[in-house]
Amino acid sequence: MSTPPRTHRPSGSNGSAKSNKFANAGAAAGGFIGGMGSSFTPPINITYNNNRGNGGPANRGAGSGGPHSQALLPAPEFTSPAQVRNYCNHLRAVCVTLSIEVAMGAEILKGVLSTVPDPEGRLGGSRMRANRVSRKLRKSADAARDAAKNAAATYALFQQQYEEEINRVRHRARRPQQPQMNWAQQ
């Protein structure tokens, strides 16, 4: 079962003027694998989001979400339980994603640094040094994961502490019952 060969497209094809910023990212990320054997290549995905606008008036002010339009989280306006839930859910999602990205970065850093030979020639010295350095990055990933847990816990505690106020409004907001037929009155 053979696959057709891939053709290389130059960076200016399809009339787009986008830069080929990450063209060799796969080779760069997989380059440190050479010492581990050619049969193992980790799946690495690189996502590049170009959210930067042209700086025009459409990208500023209240029309595009105000000063918070480029932020990862919604504006911290807590005027309703839905806004508290929305903020906590967004914070949790951002922290989970960040935790995964940082943990992956720590593993890649450890892999790259472990290929640097130990200056004193100790057996396993390069791996020990790489572990020491990447440990701090792993702690950052753990902290982001803990922040995600605390964001979820914040909303749960909000529901517990303000249950009475939430239920009072929730009952008032229910639709009125439809009139029912009383068959006993004839």
Protein backbone atom coordinates (compact mmCIF):
# COMPACT_ATOMS: atom_id res chain seq x y z
CA MET A 1 0.00 0.00 0.00
CA SER A 2 1.80 3.07 -1.18
CA THR A 3 0.85 6.67 -0.80
CA PRO A 4 1.36 9.24 -3.54
CA PRO A 5 4.33 11.53 -2.98
CA ARG A 6 3.57 14.93 -1.52
CA THR A 7 4.26 17.96 -3.59
CA HIS A 8 5.92 20.93 -1.95
CA ARG A 9 4.03 24.19 -2.27
CA PRO A 10 6.07 27.37 -2.13
CA SER A 11 5.05 29.80 0.57
CA GLY A 12 3.44 32.19 -1.90
CA SER A 13 1.08 29.68 -3.56
CA ASN A 14 -2.69 30.17 -3.65
CA GLY A 15 -2.12 33.90 -3.79
CA SER A 16 -1.70 34.18 -0.03
CA ALA A 17 0.94 36.43 1.45
CA LYS A 18 1.08 34.53 4.74
CA SER A 19 4.51 33.81 6.11
CA ASN A 20 5.72 30.25 6.35
CA LYS A 21 6.67 30.76 9.99
CA PHE A 22 6.34 27.15 11.12
CA ALA A 23 7.34 25.36 7.94
CA ASN A 24 10.14 23.42 9.59
CA ALA A 25 8.55 23.15 13.04
CA GLY A 26 7.91 19.42 12.67
CA ALA A 27 11.52 18.81 11.75
CA ALA A 28 12.73 21.03 14.56
CA ALA A 29 10.51 19.34 17.15
CA GLY A 30 11.34 15.88 15.89
CA GLY A 31 15.03 16.66 15.51
CA PHE A 32 15.83 15.72 19.08
CA ILE A 33 14.40 12.25 18.57
CA GLY A 34 17.47 11.11 16.62
CA GLY A 35 19.19 9.90 19.79
CA MET A 36 16.15 7.83 20.74
CA GLY A 37 16.06 5.80 17.54
CA SER A 38 14.33 6.42 14.27
CA SER A 39 11.33 4.23 15.05
CA PHE A 40 9.83 6.60 17.64
CA THR A 41 8.43 9.98 16.66
CA PRO A 42 5.95 11.66 19.01
CA PRO A 43 2.84 13.24 17.49
CA ILE A 44 3.35 16.98 17.80
CA ASN A 45 0.70 19.42 16.66
CA ILE A 46 1.48 23.09 16.31
CA THR A 47 -1.36 25.56 16.10
CA TYR A 48 -0.66 29.11 15.01
CA ASN A 49 -3.50 31.59 15.50
CA ASN A 50 -3.03 34.99 13.98
CA ASN A 51 -5.67 37.00 15.85
CA ARG A 52 -3.88 40.30 15.52
CA GLY A 53 -5.98 42.81 13.70
CA ASN A 54 -4.78 45.66 11.56
CA GLY A 55 -5.22 48.15 14.39
CA GLY A 56 -8.16 49.87 12.68
CA PRO A 57 -11.16 51.30 14.47
CA ALA A 58 -13.06 48.02 14.06
CA ASN A 59 -10.58 46.33 16.38
CA ARG A 60 -10.94 48.84 19.17
CA GLY A 61 -13.62 50.09 21.49
CA ALA A 62 -17.00 48.76 22.50
CA GLY A 63 -17.89 47.57 19.01
CA SER A 64 -15.60 44.56 19.23
CA GLY A 65 -16.00 43.70 22.88
CA GLY A 66 -14.30 46.68 24.47
CA PRO A 67 -10.82 46.64 25.96
CA HIS A 68 -11.17 42.94 26.76
CA SER A 69 -11.57 41.82 23.13
CA GLN A 70 -8.09 40.25 22.93
CA ALA A 71 -8.20 38.70 26.41
CA LEU A 72 -8.57 34.98 27.09
CA LEU A 73 -11.28 35.54 29.70
CA PRO A 74 -14.54 37.47 29.58
CA ALA A 75 -14.73 40.77 31.43
CA PRO A 76 -15.11 40.21 35.19
CA GLU A 77 -18.64 41.55 35.46
CA PHE A 78 -20.41 39.51 38.11
CA THR A 79 -23.93 40.92 38.00
CA SER A 80 -25.72 37.58 37.60
CA PRO A 81 -25.15 33.91 38.41
CA ALA A 82 -24.83 33.22 34.69
CA GLN A 83 -21.90 35.62 34.45
CA VAL A 84 -20.20 34.00 37.44
CA ARG A 85 -20.69 30.57 35.84
CA ASN A 86 -19.47 31.83 32.46
CA TYR A 87 -16.33 33.39 33.97
CA CYS A 88 -15.49 30.29 36.03
CA ASN A 89 -16.07 27.97 33.06
CA HIS A 90 -13.88 30.07 30.78
CA LEU A 91 -11.15 30.25 33.42
CA ARG A 92 -11.28 26.49 33.90
CA ALA A 93 -11.09 25.82 30.14
CA VAL A 94 -8.18 28.22 29.65
CA CYS A 95 -6.26 26.74 32.58
CA VAL A 96 -6.79 23.15 31.40
CA THR A 97 -5.55 24.03 27.93
CA LEU A 98 -2.60 25.95 29.36
CA SER A 99 -1.74 23.06 31.67
CA ILE A 100 -1.63 20.63 28.75
CA GLU A 101 0.50 22.98 26.65
CA VAL A 102 2.99 23.64 29.45
CA ALA A 103 3.25 19.93 30.32
CA MET A 104 3.98 19.16 26.67
CA GLY A 105 6.57 21.94 26.64
CA ALA A 106 8.22 20.49 29.73
CA GLU A 107 8.49 17.07 28.11
CA ILE A 108 9.92 18.52 24.91
CA LEU A 109 12.40 20.62 26.91
CA LYS A 110 13.48 17.56 28.88
CA GLY A 111 13.98 15.59 25.66
CA VAL A 112 16.01 18.34 24.03
CA LEU A 113 18.18 19.02 27.08
CA SER A 114 18.86 15.33 27.71
CA THR A 115 20.70 15.15 24.38
CA VAL A 116 23.25 17.74 25.54
CA PRO A 117 26.28 15.82 26.81
CA ASP A 118 27.27 16.13 30.46
CA PRO A 119 30.40 18.29 30.82
CA GLU A 120 31.87 15.96 33.44
CA GLY A 121 31.01 12.83 31.45
CA ARG A 122 28.88 11.26 34.22
CA LEU A 123 26.64 8.37 33.24
CA GLY A 124 23.08 9.72 33.07
CA GLY A 125 24.28 13.20 34.00
CA SER A 126 22.62 14.86 31.02
CA ARG A 127 19.26 13.30 31.89
CA MET A 128 19.56 14.37 35.53
CA ARG A 129 20.31 17.96 34.52
CA ALA A 130 17.42 17.95 32.03
CA ASN A 131 15.06 16.62 34.71
CA ARG A 132 16.12 19.35 37.14
CA VAL A 133 15.45 22.08 34.59
CA SER A 134 12.16 20.70 33.26
CA ARG A 135 10.85 20.05 36.78
CA LYS A 136 10.11 23.76 37.20
CA LEU A 137 8.07 23.78 34.00
CA ARG A 138 6.17 20.68 35.15
CA LYS A 139 5.38 22.52 38.40
CA SER A 140 3.96 25.36 36.33
CA ALA A 141 1.75 22.87 34.46
CA ASP A 142 0.57 21.45 37.80
CA ALA A 143 -0.21 24.96 39.05
CA ALA A 144 -2.30 25.66 35.94
CA ARG A 145 -4.16 22.38 36.46
CA ASP A 146 -4.80 23.35 40.10
CA ALA A 147 -6.08 26.75 38.96
CA ALA A 148 -8.59 24.94 36.72
CA LYS A 149 -9.75 22.85 39.68
CA ASN A 150 -10.11 25.95 41.84
CA ALA A 151 -12.13 27.74 39.15
CA ALA A 152 -14.62 24.86 39.08
CA ALA A 153 -14.67 24.78 42.89
CA THR A 154 -15.35 28.53 42.97
CA TYR A 155 -18.60 28.17 41.06
CA ALA A 156 -19.64 25.14 43.11
CA LEU A 157 -19.07 27.06 46.33
CA PHE A 158 -20.91 30.07 44.90
CA GLN A 159 -23.93 27.83 44.28
CA GLN A 160 -23.77 26.47 47.82
CA GLN A 161 -23.35 29.81 49.55
CA TYR A 162 -25.97 31.67 47.50
CA GLU A 163 -28.45 28.82 47.01
CA GLU A 164 -31.29 30.69 48.72
CA GLU A 165 -30.93 33.79 46.53
CA ILE A 166 -30.57 31.73 43.35
CA ASN A 167 -33.65 29.63 44.14
CA ARG A 168 -35.72 32.67 45.07
CA VAL A 169 -35.14 34.19 41.63
CA ARG A 170 -35.43 30.85 39.84
CA HIS A 171 -38.93 30.22 41.24
CA ARG A 172 -40.07 33.70 40.28
CA ALA A 173 -38.81 33.22 36.73
CA ARG A 174 -40.86 30.07 36.06
CA ARG A 175 -43.60 30.18 33.48
CA PRO A 176 -47.12 30.37 34.86
CA GLN A 177 -48.95 27.06 34.70
CA GLN A 178 -51.37 26.51 31.86
CA PRO A 179 -55.04 26.47 32.89
CA GLN A 180 -56.22 22.91 33.36
CA MET A 181 -59.62 21.50 32.55
CA ASN A 182 -61.63 20.63 35.66
CA TRP A 183 -63.86 17.73 34.66
CA ALA A 184 -65.54 17.57 38.05
CA GLN A 185 -67.40 20.83 37.43
CA GLN A 186 -70.23 20.16 34.96
